[in-house]
Amino acid sequence: MNYLVYDIGGSYIKYCLMTGDREIFYKGKVKTPLEEKACFLVAVEEIFRQFEGQVDGIAISMPGKIDVFNGYAHTAGVLTFLEQTNIVDLFHTFTDLPISVENDGKCAALAESWVGALAHTDHGIVLVFGTGVGGGLIINNRLHRGSSGIAGEFSFVQQTDAYHQPAAYFGASGSVLSLVSEGERVKGMEKGTLSGELLFQLIEEGDKELQGVLEKYCDTIALHLFNLQYIFDPETFAIGGGISEQKRFIQEIEKSIDRLKEKHTYHLAVPKIVPCKFRNDANLIGALMNHHLNKVKKVKHNLI
């Protein structure tokens, strides 16, 4: 059986044709229309028409608070025109195929738990660093959604400053945009002139100022990892997002963990981190996993 899988993001709609065994044999992407729901519907239908008659189901990954059992998006991140929308009903305006939808961070967690970095892990956490911090919790080898489906929305974890006033969300301080913006500020560069790739290139070439920016960024991540370690006691954290392809990023988080461990010497456990296996394909593979689970969704939270 073949499936059309969508990964709907704020910049692009990525899509692929995938077998039930996760083999991807066609991938593409189009700009995400952000104007209105009607434009979005045209875009996803045009993608579908390319593969009409070749697929047995549709699996969708997207941002927001998603009711996977009813296909309903309560929120949709920057795709505000999809808030309070039944996504399954929306797609059923142009096809009668079985359709499933899940939050993008949870899709990444499903992929890594299924056949990725957490494949042999009963208790793990996936954190995906991008425009925010998404991810998911794997507890007893199952994706944990919580009472209303928002478990693993790490972007909304709040931080405080020295005066114990709310200062930032982890989604802001942990975003790659925040890292790059701080690099531009420190170097006196114009906004938009520094990319993540260039930042790491300059660090590799010996830029001490940008190295300091990266260390501070990773110190914030390490602090959250320690807190999550004591709340959920995972065996492993899988670190994802495009930035995780930079080996130095993973290494610097490990150094930050060591610094925090030395600063506070009494610990019951220390976070163990690994890079995610699937990176940019994680949402696609996890959406397919969710589609498989969706076939038995009547069992509900015991299985999904």
C-alpha atoms as a PDB file:
ATOM      1  CA  MET A   1       0.000   0.000   0.000  1.00  0.00           C
ATOM      2  CA  ASN A   2       1.159   3.529  -0.753  1.00  0.00           C
ATOM      3  CA  TYR A   3       0.439   6.733   1.145  1.00  0.00           C
ATOM      4  CA  LEU A   4       0.553  10.439   0.380  1.00  0.00           C
ATOM      5  CA  VAL A   5       2.142  12.149   3.371  1.00  0.00           C
ATOM      6  CA  TYR A   6       2.024  15.896   4.031  1.00  0.00           C
ATOM      7  CA  ASP A   7       4.283  17.822   6.418  1.00  0.00           C
ATOM      8  CA  ILE A   8       2.580  21.212   6.641  1.00  0.00           C
ATOM      9  CA  GLY A   9       4.783  23.968   7.995  1.00  0.00           C
ATOM     10  CA  GLY A  10       4.769  27.721   8.206  1.00  0.00           C
ATOM     11  CA  SER A  11       7.131  28.084   5.242  1.00  0.00           C
ATOM     12  CA  TYR A  12       6.598  24.980   3.114  1.00  0.00           C
ATOM     13  CA  ILE A  13       4.206  22.111   2.573  1.00  0.00           C
ATOM     14  CA  LYS A  14       6.502  19.130   2.170  1.00  0.00           C
ATOM     15  CA  TYR A  15       5.005  15.972   0.739  1.00  0.00           C
ATOM     16  CA  CYS A  16       6.055  12.507  -0.301  1.00  0.00           C
ATOM     17  CA  LEU A  17       4.804   9.230  -1.674  1.00  0.00           C
ATOM     18  CA  MET A  18       5.653   6.528   0.834  1.00  0.00           C
ATOM     19  CA  THR A  19       5.081   2.799   1.143  1.00  0.00           C
ATOM     20  CA  GLY A  20       3.648   1.279   4.296  1.00  0.00           C
ATOM     21  CA  ASP A  21       7.196   0.154   5.103  1.00  0.00           C
ATOM     22  CA  ARG A  22       8.484   3.775   5.108  1.00  0.00           C
ATOM     23  CA  GLU A  23      10.192   3.688   1.725  1.00  0.00           C
ATOM     24  CA  ILE A  24      10.043   7.177   0.241  1.00  0.00           C
ATOM     25  CA  PHE A  25      10.132   7.193  -3.560  1.00  0.00           C
ATOM     26  CA  TYR A  26       9.042  10.730  -4.327  1.00  0.00           C
ATOM     27  CA  LYS A  27       9.446  13.983  -2.398  1.00  0.00           C
ATOM     28  CA  GLY A  28       8.536  17.564  -3.131  1.00  0.00           C
ATOM     29  CA  LYS A  29       7.573  20.837  -1.507  1.00  0.00           C
ATOM     30  CA  VAL A  30       5.628  24.008  -2.252  1.00  0.00           C
ATOM     31  CA  LYS A  31       5.390  27.337  -0.473  1.00  0.00           C
ATOM     32  CA  THR A  32       2.695  27.326   2.193  1.00  0.00           C
ATOM     33  CA  PRO A  33      -0.074  29.766   1.255  1.00  0.00           C
ATOM     34  CA  LEU A  34      -0.622  31.912   4.332  1.00  0.00           C
ATOM     35  CA  GLU A  35      -3.378  34.142   2.974  1.00  0.00           C
ATOM     36  CA  GLU A  36      -6.531  32.141   3.698  1.00  0.00           C
ATOM     37  CA  LYS A  37      -7.997  28.668   3.972  1.00  0.00           C
ATOM     38  CA  ALA A  38      -9.221  28.620   0.365  1.00  0.00           C
ATOM     39  CA  CYS A  39      -5.683  29.166  -1.000  1.00  0.00           C
ATOM     40  CA  PHE A  40      -4.343  26.474   1.289  1.00  0.00           C
ATOM     41  CA  LEU A  41      -7.018  24.034   0.121  1.00  0.00           C
ATOM     42  CA  VAL A  42      -6.102  24.650  -3.519  1.00  0.00           C
ATOM     43  CA  ALA A  43      -2.440  23.919  -2.761  1.00  0.00           C
ATOM     44  CA  VAL A  44      -3.008  20.608  -0.943  1.00  0.00           C
ATOM     45  CA  GLU A  45      -5.536  19.458  -3.565  1.00  0.00           C
ATOM     46  CA  GLU A  46      -3.082  20.197  -6.387  1.00  0.00           C
ATOM     47  CA  ILE A  47      -0.540  17.993  -4.636  1.00  0.00           C
ATOM     48  CA  PHE A  48      -3.120  15.236  -4.240  1.00  0.00           C
ATOM     49  CA  ARG A  49      -4.093  15.344  -7.927  1.00  0.00           C
ATOM     50  CA  GLN A  50      -0.511  14.424  -8.860  1.00  0.00           C
ATOM     51  CA  PHE A  51      -0.950  11.070  -7.114  1.00  0.00           C
ATOM     52  CA  GLU A  52      -4.676  10.429  -7.453  1.00  0.00           C
ATOM     53  CA  GLY A  53      -5.322   6.721  -7.959  1.00  0.00           C
ATOM     54  CA  GLN A  54      -1.850   5.788  -6.670  1.00  0.00           C
ATOM     55  CA  VAL A  55      -2.399   6.034  -2.913  1.00  0.00           C
ATOM     56  CA  ASP A  56      -4.477   4.229  -0.302  1.00  0.00           C
ATOM     57  CA  GLY A  57      -4.490   6.897   2.395  1.00  0.00           C
ATOM     58  CA  ILE A  58      -3.310  10.357   3.426  1.00  0.00           C
ATOM     59  CA  ALA A  59      -1.222  11.127   6.509  1.00  0.00           C
ATOM     60  CA  ILE A  60      -0.701  14.694   7.727  1.00  0.00           C
ATOM     61  CA  SER A  61       1.766  16.370  10.093  1.00  0.00           C
ATOM     62  CA  MET A  62       1.096  19.975  11.098  1.00  0.00           C
ATOM     63  CA  PRO A  63       1.667  22.410  13.986  1.00  0.00           C
ATOM     64  CA  GLY A  64      -0.870  23.066  16.700  1.00  0.00           C
ATOM     65  CA  LYS A  65      -3.053  21.417  19.292  1.00  0.00           C
ATOM     66  CA  ILE A  66      -4.513  18.504  17.352  1.00  0.00           C
ATOM     67  CA  ASP A  67      -7.316  16.127  18.305  1.00  0.00           C
ATOM     68  CA  VAL A  68      -5.980  13.039  16.539  1.00  0.00           C
ATOM     69  CA  PHE A  69      -9.104  11.023  17.205  1.00  0.00           C
ATOM     70  CA  ASN A  70     -11.420  13.430  15.415  1.00  0.00           C
ATOM     71  CA  GLY A  71      -8.949  15.128  13.061  1.00  0.00           C
ATOM     72  CA  TYR A  72      -9.596  18.543  14.553  1.00  0.00           C
ATOM     73  CA  ALA A  73      -7.073  21.387  14.806  1.00  0.00           C
ATOM     74  CA  HIS A  74      -7.856  23.543  17.853  1.00  0.00           C
ATOM     75  CA  THR A  75      -4.788  25.646  17.038  1.00  0.00           C
ATOM     76  CA  ALA A  76      -2.384  25.548  14.091  1.00  0.00           C
ATOM     77  CA  GLY A  77       0.683  27.604  14.962  1.00  0.00           C
ATOM     78  CA  VAL A  78       1.288  30.345  12.403  1.00  0.00           C
ATOM     79  CA  LEU A  79      -1.395  28.800  10.176  1.00  0.00           C
ATOM     80  CA  THR A  80      -4.067  30.746  12.004  1.00  0.00           C
ATOM     81  CA  PHE A  81      -6.610  30.268   9.203  1.00  0.00           C
ATOM     82  CA  LEU A  82      -6.687  26.542  10.096  1.00  0.00           C
ATOM     83  CA  GLU A  83      -7.577  27.115  13.755  1.00  0.00           C
ATOM     84  CA  GLN A  84     -10.858  25.517  14.856  1.00  0.00           C
ATOM     85  CA  THR A  85     -10.876  23.420  11.671  1.00  0.00           C
ATOM     86  CA  ASN A  86     -11.583  19.733  11.121  1.00  0.00           C
ATOM     87  CA  ILE A  87      -8.620  18.884   8.915  1.00  0.00           C
ATOM     88  CA  VAL A  88      -9.989  15.475   7.927  1.00  0.00           C
ATOM     89  CA  ASP A  89     -13.260  17.047   6.747  1.00  0.00           C
ATOM     90  CA  LEU A  90     -11.279  19.699   4.876  1.00  0.00           C
ATOM     91  CA  PHE A  91      -9.334  17.078   2.912  1.00  0.00           C
ATOM     92  CA  HIS A  92     -12.497  15.061   2.370  1.00  0.00           C
ATOM     93  CA  THR A  93     -13.792  17.890   0.186  1.00  0.00           C
ATOM     94  CA  PHE A  94     -11.622  16.463  -2.606  1.00  0.00           C
ATOM     95  CA  THR A  95     -11.061  12.783  -1.671  1.00  0.00           C
ATOM     96  CA  ASP A  96     -12.763   9.938   0.187  1.00  0.00           C
ATOM     97  CA  LEU A  97      -9.488   8.264   1.185  1.00  0.00           C
ATOM     98  CA  PRO A  98      -8.753   7.507   4.871  1.00  0.00           C
ATOM     99  CA  ILE A  99      -7.020  10.529   6.433  1.00  0.00           C
ATOM    100  CA  SER A 100      -5.107  11.030   9.678  1.00  0.00           C
ATOM    101  CA  VAL A 101      -3.514  14.124  11.215  1.00  0.00           C
ATOM    102  CA  GLU A 102      -1.109  14.665  14.107  1.00  0.00           C
ATOM    103  CA  ASN A 103       0.980  17.449  15.645  1.00  0.00           C
ATOM    104  CA  ASP A 104       4.378  17.781  13.945  1.00  0.00           C
ATOM    105  CA  GLY A 105       6.454  17.441  17.122  1.00  0.00           C
ATOM    106  CA  LYS A 106       4.580  14.310  18.097  1.00  0.00           C
ATOM    107  CA  CYS A 107       5.111  12.949  14.595  1.00  0.00           C
ATOM    108  CA  ALA A 108       8.861  13.394  15.083  1.00  0.00           C
ATOM    109  CA  ALA A 109       8.630  11.552  18.405  1.00  0.00           C
ATOM    110  CA  LEU A 110       6.632   8.728  16.811  1.00  0.00           C
ATOM    111  CA  ALA A 111       9.229   8.362  14.044  1.00  0.00           C
ATOM    112  CA  GLU A 112      12.189   8.242  16.419  1.00  0.00           C
ATOM    113  CA  SER A 113      10.397   5.841  18.759  1.00  0.00           C
ATOM    114  CA  TRP A 114       9.260   3.596  15.931  1.00  0.00           C
ATOM    115  CA  VAL A 115      12.465   3.009  13.995  1.00  0.00           C
ATOM    116  CA  GLY A 116      14.786   5.879  14.943  1.00  0.00           C
ATOM    117  CA  ALA A 117      17.072   7.019  17.739  1.00  0.00           C
ATOM    118  CA  LEU A 118      14.654   5.831  20.455  1.00  0.00           C
ATOM    119  CA  ALA A 119      13.677   2.537  18.791  1.00  0.00           C
ATOM    120  CA  HIS A 120      14.806   0.444  21.769  1.00  0.00           C
ATOM    121  CA  THR A 121      13.926   2.980  24.453  1.00  0.00           C
ATOM    122  CA  ASP A 122      10.906   2.631  26.737  1.00  0.00           C
ATOM    123  CA  HIS A 123      11.221   6.138  28.188  1.00  0.00           C
ATOM    124  CA  GLY A 124      12.550   8.929  26.001  1.00  0.00           C
ATOM    125  CA  ILE A 125      12.029  12.526  24.975  1.00  0.00           C
ATOM    126  CA  VAL A 126      12.383  14.085  21.540  1.00  0.00           C
ATOM    127  CA  LEU A 127      13.146  17.810  21.263  1.00  0.00           C
ATOM    128  CA  VAL A 128      13.074  19.443  17.845  1.00  0.00           C
ATOM    129  CA  PHE A 129      14.787  22.828  17.506  1.00  0.00           C
ATOM    130  CA  GLY A 130      13.552  25.114  14.747  1.00  0.00           C
ATOM    131  CA  THR A 131      11.333  28.190  14.798  1.00  0.00           C
ATOM    132  CA  GLY A 132      10.357  26.995  18.278  1.00  0.00           C
ATOM    133  CA  VAL A 133      10.950  23.878  20.360  1.00  0.00           C
ATOM    134  CA  GLY A 134       8.630  20.994  19.580  1.00  0.00           C
ATOM    135  CA  GLY A 135       8.786  17.324  20.370  1.00  0.00           C
ATOM    136  CA  GLY A 136       7.135  14.567  22.294  1.00  0.00           C
ATOM    137  CA  LEU A 137       7.303  12.242  25.272  1.00  0.00           C
ATOM    138  CA  ILE A 138       7.676   8.482  24.992  1.00  0.00           C
ATOM    139  CA  ILE A 139       6.512   6.782  28.182  1.00  0.00           C
ATOM    140  CA  ASN A 140       6.363   2.981  28.443  1.00  0.00           C
ATOM    141  CA  ASN A 141       7.175   2.833  24.723  1.00  0.00           C
ATOM    142  CA  ARG A 142       4.084   4.883  23.817  1.00  0.00           C
ATOM    143  CA  LEU A 143       3.556   8.470  22.808  1.00  0.00           C
ATOM    144  CA  HIS A 144       2.183  10.411  25.766  1.00  0.00           C
ATOM    145  CA  ARG A 145      -0.305  13.120  24.791  1.00  0.00           C
ATOM    146  CA  GLY A 146      -1.626  14.188  28.187  1.00  0.00           C
ATOM    147  CA  SER A 147      -5.173  15.071  29.185  1.00  0.00           C
ATOM    148  CA  SER A 148      -5.771  17.529  26.345  1.00  0.00           C
ATOM    149  CA  GLY A 149      -3.135  16.524  23.808  1.00  0.00           C
ATOM    150  CA  ILE A 150      -0.505  19.189  24.540  1.00  0.00           C
ATOM    151  CA  ALA A 151       2.127  17.093  26.337  1.00  0.00           C
ATOM    152  CA  GLY A 152       5.485  17.822  24.729  1.00  0.00           C
ATOM    153  CA  GLU A 153       4.729  21.432  23.756  1.00  0.00           C
ATOM    154  CA  PHE A 154       8.114  22.541  25.064  1.00  0.00           C
ATOM    155  CA  SER A 155       7.886  25.959  23.401  1.00  0.00           C
ATOM    156  CA  PHE A 156       5.429  27.064  26.078  1.00  0.00           C
ATOM    157  CA  VAL A 157       7.656  26.227  29.050  1.00  0.00           C
ATOM    158  CA  GLN A 158       8.409  29.534  30.767  1.00  0.00           C
ATOM    159  CA  GLN A 159      11.737  30.809  32.043  1.00  0.00           C
ATOM    160  CA  THR A 160      12.330  33.468  34.674  1.00  0.00           C
ATOM    161  CA  ASP A 161      14.961  36.116  35.079  1.00  0.00           C
ATOM    162  CA  ALA A 162      17.002  36.935  38.186  1.00  0.00           C
ATOM    163  CA  TYR A 163      14.051  38.820  39.667  1.00  0.00           C
ATOM    164  CA  HIS A 164      11.700  35.851  39.147  1.00  0.00           C
ATOM    165  CA  GLN A 165       9.633  37.662  36.571  1.00  0.00           C
ATOM    166  CA  PRO A 166       8.485  35.827  33.442  1.00  0.00           C
ATOM    167  CA  ALA A 167      11.219  36.590  30.919  1.00  0.00           C
ATOM    168  CA  ALA A 168      10.800  34.239  27.976  1.00  0.00           C
ATOM    169  CA  TYR A 169       9.339  31.041  26.665  1.00  0.00           C
ATOM    170  CA  PHE A 170      11.646  28.149  25.813  1.00  0.00           C
ATOM    171  CA  GLY A 171      10.244  28.356  22.288  1.00  0.00           C
ATOM    172  CA  ALA A 172      11.830  31.794  21.996  1.00  0.00           C
ATOM    173  CA  SER A 173      15.139  31.259  23.776  1.00  0.00           C
ATOM    174  CA  GLY A 174      15.537  27.768  22.275  1.00  0.00           C
ATOM    175  CA  SER A 175      14.652  28.689  18.702  1.00  0.00           C
ATOM    176  CA  VAL A 176      17.377  28.619  16.070  1.00  0.00           C
ATOM    177  CA  LEU A 177      16.231  32.106  15.072  1.00  0.00           C
ATOM    178  CA  SER A 178      17.128  33.299  18.577  1.00  0.00           C
ATOM    179  CA  LEU A 179      20.612  31.806  18.253  1.00  0.00           C
ATOM    180  CA  VAL A 180      21.184  33.440  14.873  1.00  0.00           C
ATOM    181  CA  SER A 181      19.724  36.796  15.957  1.00  0.00           C
ATOM    182  CA  GLU A 182      22.000  36.913  18.996  1.00  0.00           C
ATOM    183  CA  GLY A 183      24.955  36.096  16.768  1.00  0.00           C
ATOM    184  CA  GLU A 184      24.068  39.024  14.527  1.00  0.00           C
ATOM    185  CA  ARG A 185      23.746  41.332  17.520  1.00  0.00           C
ATOM    186  CA  VAL A 186      27.100  40.343  19.001  1.00  0.00           C
ATOM    187  CA  LYS A 187      28.900  40.707  15.660  1.00  0.00           C
ATOM    188  CA  GLY A 188      27.129  43.941  14.731  1.00  0.00           C
ATOM    189  CA  MET A 189      25.720  42.361  11.569  1.00  0.00           C
ATOM    190  CA  GLU A 190      22.601  43.468   9.758  1.00  0.00           C
ATOM    191  CA  LYS A 191      19.497  41.427  10.443  1.00  0.00           C
ATOM    192  CA  GLY A 192      19.156  38.559   8.004  1.00  0.00           C
ATOM    193  CA  THR A 193      22.825  38.371   7.049  1.00  0.00           C
ATOM    194  CA  LEU A 194      23.730  35.424   9.296  1.00  0.00           C
ATOM    195  CA  SER A 195      22.374  31.916   8.778  1.00  0.00           C
ATOM    196  CA  GLY A 196      22.692  28.907  11.031  1.00  0.00           C
ATOM    197  CA  GLU A 197      25.062  27.264   8.583  1.00  0.00           C
ATOM    198  CA  LEU A 198      27.287  30.346   8.400  1.00  0.00           C
ATOM    199  CA  LEU A 199      27.285  30.716  12.177  1.00  0.00           C
ATOM    200  CA  PHE A 200      28.659  27.197  12.624  1.00  0.00           C
ATOM    201  CA  GLN A 201      31.142  27.711   9.791  1.00  0.00           C
ATOM    202  CA  LEU A 202      32.517  30.823  11.469  1.00  0.00           C
ATOM    203  CA  ILE A 203      32.745  29.012  14.807  1.00  0.00           C
ATOM    204  CA  GLU A 204      34.697  26.189  13.151  1.00  0.00           C
ATOM    205  CA  GLU A 205      37.030  28.843  11.746  1.00  0.00           C
ATOM    206  CA  GLY A 206      37.712  30.086  15.277  1.00  0.00           C
ATOM    207  CA  ASP A 207      35.238  32.919  15.944  1.00  0.00           C
ATOM    208  CA  LYS A 208      35.321  33.207  19.760  1.00  0.00           C
ATOM    209  CA  GLU A 209      32.398  35.631  20.010  1.00  0.00           C
ATOM    210  CA  LEU A 210      30.046  33.322  18.160  1.00  0.00           C
ATOM    211  CA  GLN A 211      31.390  30.389  20.160  1.00  0.00           C
ATOM    212  CA  GLY A 212      30.284  32.244  23.290  1.00  0.00           C
ATOM    213  CA  VAL A 213      26.830  32.823  21.806  1.00  0.00           C
ATOM    214  CA  LEU A 214      26.501  29.104  21.049  1.00  0.00           C
ATOM    215  CA  GLU A 215      27.645  28.137  24.547  1.00  0.00           C
ATOM    216  CA  LYS A 216      25.065  30.416  26.157  1.00  0.00           C
ATOM    217  CA  TYR A 217      22.349  29.014  23.891  1.00  0.00           C
ATOM    218  CA  CYS A 218      23.304  25.439  24.757  1.00  0.00           C
ATOM    219  CA  ASP A 219      23.450  26.298  28.482  1.00  0.00           C
ATOM    220  CA  THR A 220      19.760  27.233  28.286  1.00  0.00           C
ATOM    221  CA  ILE A 221      18.971  23.938  26.572  1.00  0.00           C
ATOM    222  CA  ALA A 222      20.958  21.961  29.154  1.00  0.00           C
ATOM    223  CA  LEU A 223      19.052  23.602  32.010  1.00  0.00           C
ATOM    224  CA  HIS A 224      15.748  22.474  30.495  1.00  0.00           C
ATOM    225  CA  LEU A 225      17.134  18.983  29.894  1.00  0.00           C
ATOM    226  CA  PHE A 226      18.002  18.627  33.569  1.00  0.00           C
ATOM    227  CA  ASN A 227      14.521  19.783  34.590  1.00  0.00           C
ATOM    228  CA  LEU A 228      12.879  17.353  32.179  1.00  0.00           C
ATOM    229  CA  GLN A 229      15.197  14.595  33.405  1.00  0.00           C
ATOM    230  CA  TYR A 230      13.877  14.915  36.946  1.00  0.00           C
ATOM    231  CA  ILE A 231      10.238  15.279  35.900  1.00  0.00           C
ATOM    232  CA  PHE A 232      10.041  12.369  33.414  1.00  0.00           C
ATOM    233  CA  ASP A 233      13.242  10.368  34.065  1.00  0.00           C
ATOM    234  CA  PRO A 234      13.893   9.456  30.399  1.00  0.00           C
ATOM    235  CA  GLU A 235      16.631   7.077  29.357  1.00  0.00           C
ATOM    236  CA  THR A 236      17.597   9.265  26.406  1.00  0.00           C
ATOM    237  CA  PHE A 237      16.870  12.633  24.816  1.00  0.00           C
ATOM    238  CA  ALA A 238      16.833  12.635  21.012  1.00  0.00           C
ATOM    239  CA  ILE A 239      17.751  16.074  19.642  1.00  0.00           C
ATOM    240  CA  GLY A 240      16.266  17.005  16.272  1.00  0.00           C
ATOM    241  CA  GLY A 241      15.695  19.794  13.782  1.00  0.00           C
ATOM    242  CA  GLY A 242      17.988  20.885  10.970  1.00  0.00           C
ATOM    243  CA  ILE A 243      20.489  22.240  13.498  1.00  0.00           C
ATOM    244  CA  SER A 244      21.024  18.727  14.879  1.00  0.00           C
ATOM    245  CA  GLU A 245      22.921  17.878  11.684  1.00  0.00           C
ATOM    246  CA  GLN A 246      25.711  20.048  13.090  1.00  0.00           C
ATOM    247  CA  LYS A 247      27.861  17.685  15.181  1.00  0.00           C
ATOM    248  CA  ARG A 248      29.185  20.661  17.115  1.00  0.00           C
ATOM    249  CA  PHE A 249      25.660  21.477  18.314  1.00  0.00           C
ATOM    250  CA  ILE A 250      25.291  18.090  19.994  1.00  0.00           C
ATOM    251  CA  GLN A 251      28.836  18.344  21.387  1.00  0.00           C
ATOM    252  CA  GLU A 252      28.193  21.792  22.852  1.00  0.00           C
ATOM    253  CA  ILE A 253      25.000  20.629  24.569  1.00  0.00           C
ATOM    254  CA  GLU A 254      26.987  17.792  26.126  1.00  0.00           C
ATOM    255  CA  LYS A 255      29.586  20.298  27.357  1.00  0.00           C
ATOM    256  CA  SER A 256      26.815  22.474  28.800  1.00  0.00           C
ATOM    257  CA  ILE A 257      25.405  19.447  30.604  1.00  0.00           C
ATOM    258  CA  ASP A 258      28.865  18.787  32.074  1.00  0.00           C
ATOM    259  CA  ARG A 259      29.237  22.425  33.184  1.00  0.00           C
ATOM    260  CA  LEU A 260      25.855  22.391  34.888  1.00  0.00           C
ATOM    261  CA  LYS A 261      26.675  19.066  36.523  1.00  0.00           C
ATOM    262  CA  GLU A 262      29.883  20.515  37.945  1.00  0.00           C
ATOM    263  CA  LYS A 263      28.150  23.685  39.119  1.00  0.00           C
ATOM    264  CA  HIS A 264      25.526  21.705  41.059  1.00  0.00           C
ATOM    265  CA  THR A 265      27.341  18.664  42.305  1.00  0.00           C
ATOM    266  CA  TYR A 266      24.441  16.624  43.714  1.00  0.00           C
ATOM    267  CA  HIS A 267      22.595  14.724  40.977  1.00  0.00           C
ATOM    268  CA  LEU A 268      20.458  11.626  40.825  1.00  0.00           C
ATOM    269  CA  ALA A 269      20.734  11.460  37.046  1.00  0.00           C
ATOM    270  CA  VAL A 270      22.389  13.272  34.153  1.00  0.00           C
ATOM    271  CA  PRO A 271      20.700  13.751  30.749  1.00  0.00           C
ATOM    272  CA  LYS A 272      21.954  11.533  27.944  1.00  0.00           C
ATOM    273  CA  ILE A 273      21.509  12.974  24.450  1.00  0.00           C
ATOM    274  CA  VAL A 274      21.705  11.554  20.925  1.00  0.00           C
ATOM    275  CA  PRO A 275      20.901  13.153  17.559  1.00  0.00           C
ATOM    276  CA  CYS A 276      17.612  12.205  15.951  1.00  0.00           C
ATOM    277  CA  LYS A 277      17.940   9.728  13.109  1.00  0.00           C
ATOM    278  CA  PHE A 278      15.480  11.141  10.589  1.00  0.00           C
ATOM    279  CA  ARG A 279      15.886  14.905  10.970  1.00  0.00           C
ATOM    280  CA  ASN A 280      13.953  16.565   8.114  1.00  0.00           C
ATOM    281  CA  ASP A 281      12.041  13.372   7.271  1.00  0.00           C
ATOM    282  CA  ALA A 282      10.934  12.707  10.859  1.00  0.00           C
ATOM    283  CA  ASN A 283       7.567  14.447  10.534  1.00  0.00           C
ATOM    284  CA  LEU A 284       6.761  12.529   7.356  1.00  0.00           C
ATOM    285  CA  ILE A 285       7.682   9.142   8.815  1.00  0.00           C
ATOM    286  CA  GLY A 286       5.886   9.903  12.087  1.00  0.00           C
ATOM    287  CA  ALA A 287       2.745  10.984  10.225  1.00  0.00           C
ATOM    288  CA  LEU A 288       2.731   7.575   8.531  1.00  0.00           C
ATOM    289  CA  MET A 289       3.167   5.883  11.919  1.00  0.00           C
ATOM    290  CA  ASN A 290       0.215   7.864  13.240  1.00  0.00           C
ATOM    291  CA  HIS A 291      -1.819   6.790  10.193  1.00  0.00           C
ATOM    292  CA  HIS A 292      -1.117   3.128  10.975  1.00  0.00           C
ATOM    293  CA  LEU A 293      -2.162   3.697  14.589  1.00  0.00           C
ATOM    294  CA  ASN A 294      -5.201   5.639  13.458  1.00  0.00           C
ATOM    295  CA  LYS A 295      -6.610   2.447  11.952  1.00  0.00           C
ATOM    296  CA  VAL A 296      -7.002   1.092  15.475  1.00  0.00           C
ATOM    297  CA  LYS A 297      -7.821   4.399  17.137  1.00  0.00           C
ATOM    298  CA  LYS A 298     -10.961   2.989  18.705  1.00  0.00           C
ATOM    299  CA  VAL A 299      -8.610   1.523  21.297  1.00  0.00           C
ATOM    300  CA  LYS A 300      -7.699   5.206  21.897  1.00  0.00           C
ATOM    301  CA  HIS A 301      -5.142   6.217  24.485  1.00  0.00           C
ATOM    302  CA  ASN A 302      -4.067   2.687  25.378  1.00  0.00           C
ATOM    303  CA  LEU A 303      -2.475   2.261  21.977  1.00  0.00           C
ATOM    304  CA  ILE A 304      -1.759   5.700  20.639  1.00  0.00           C
END
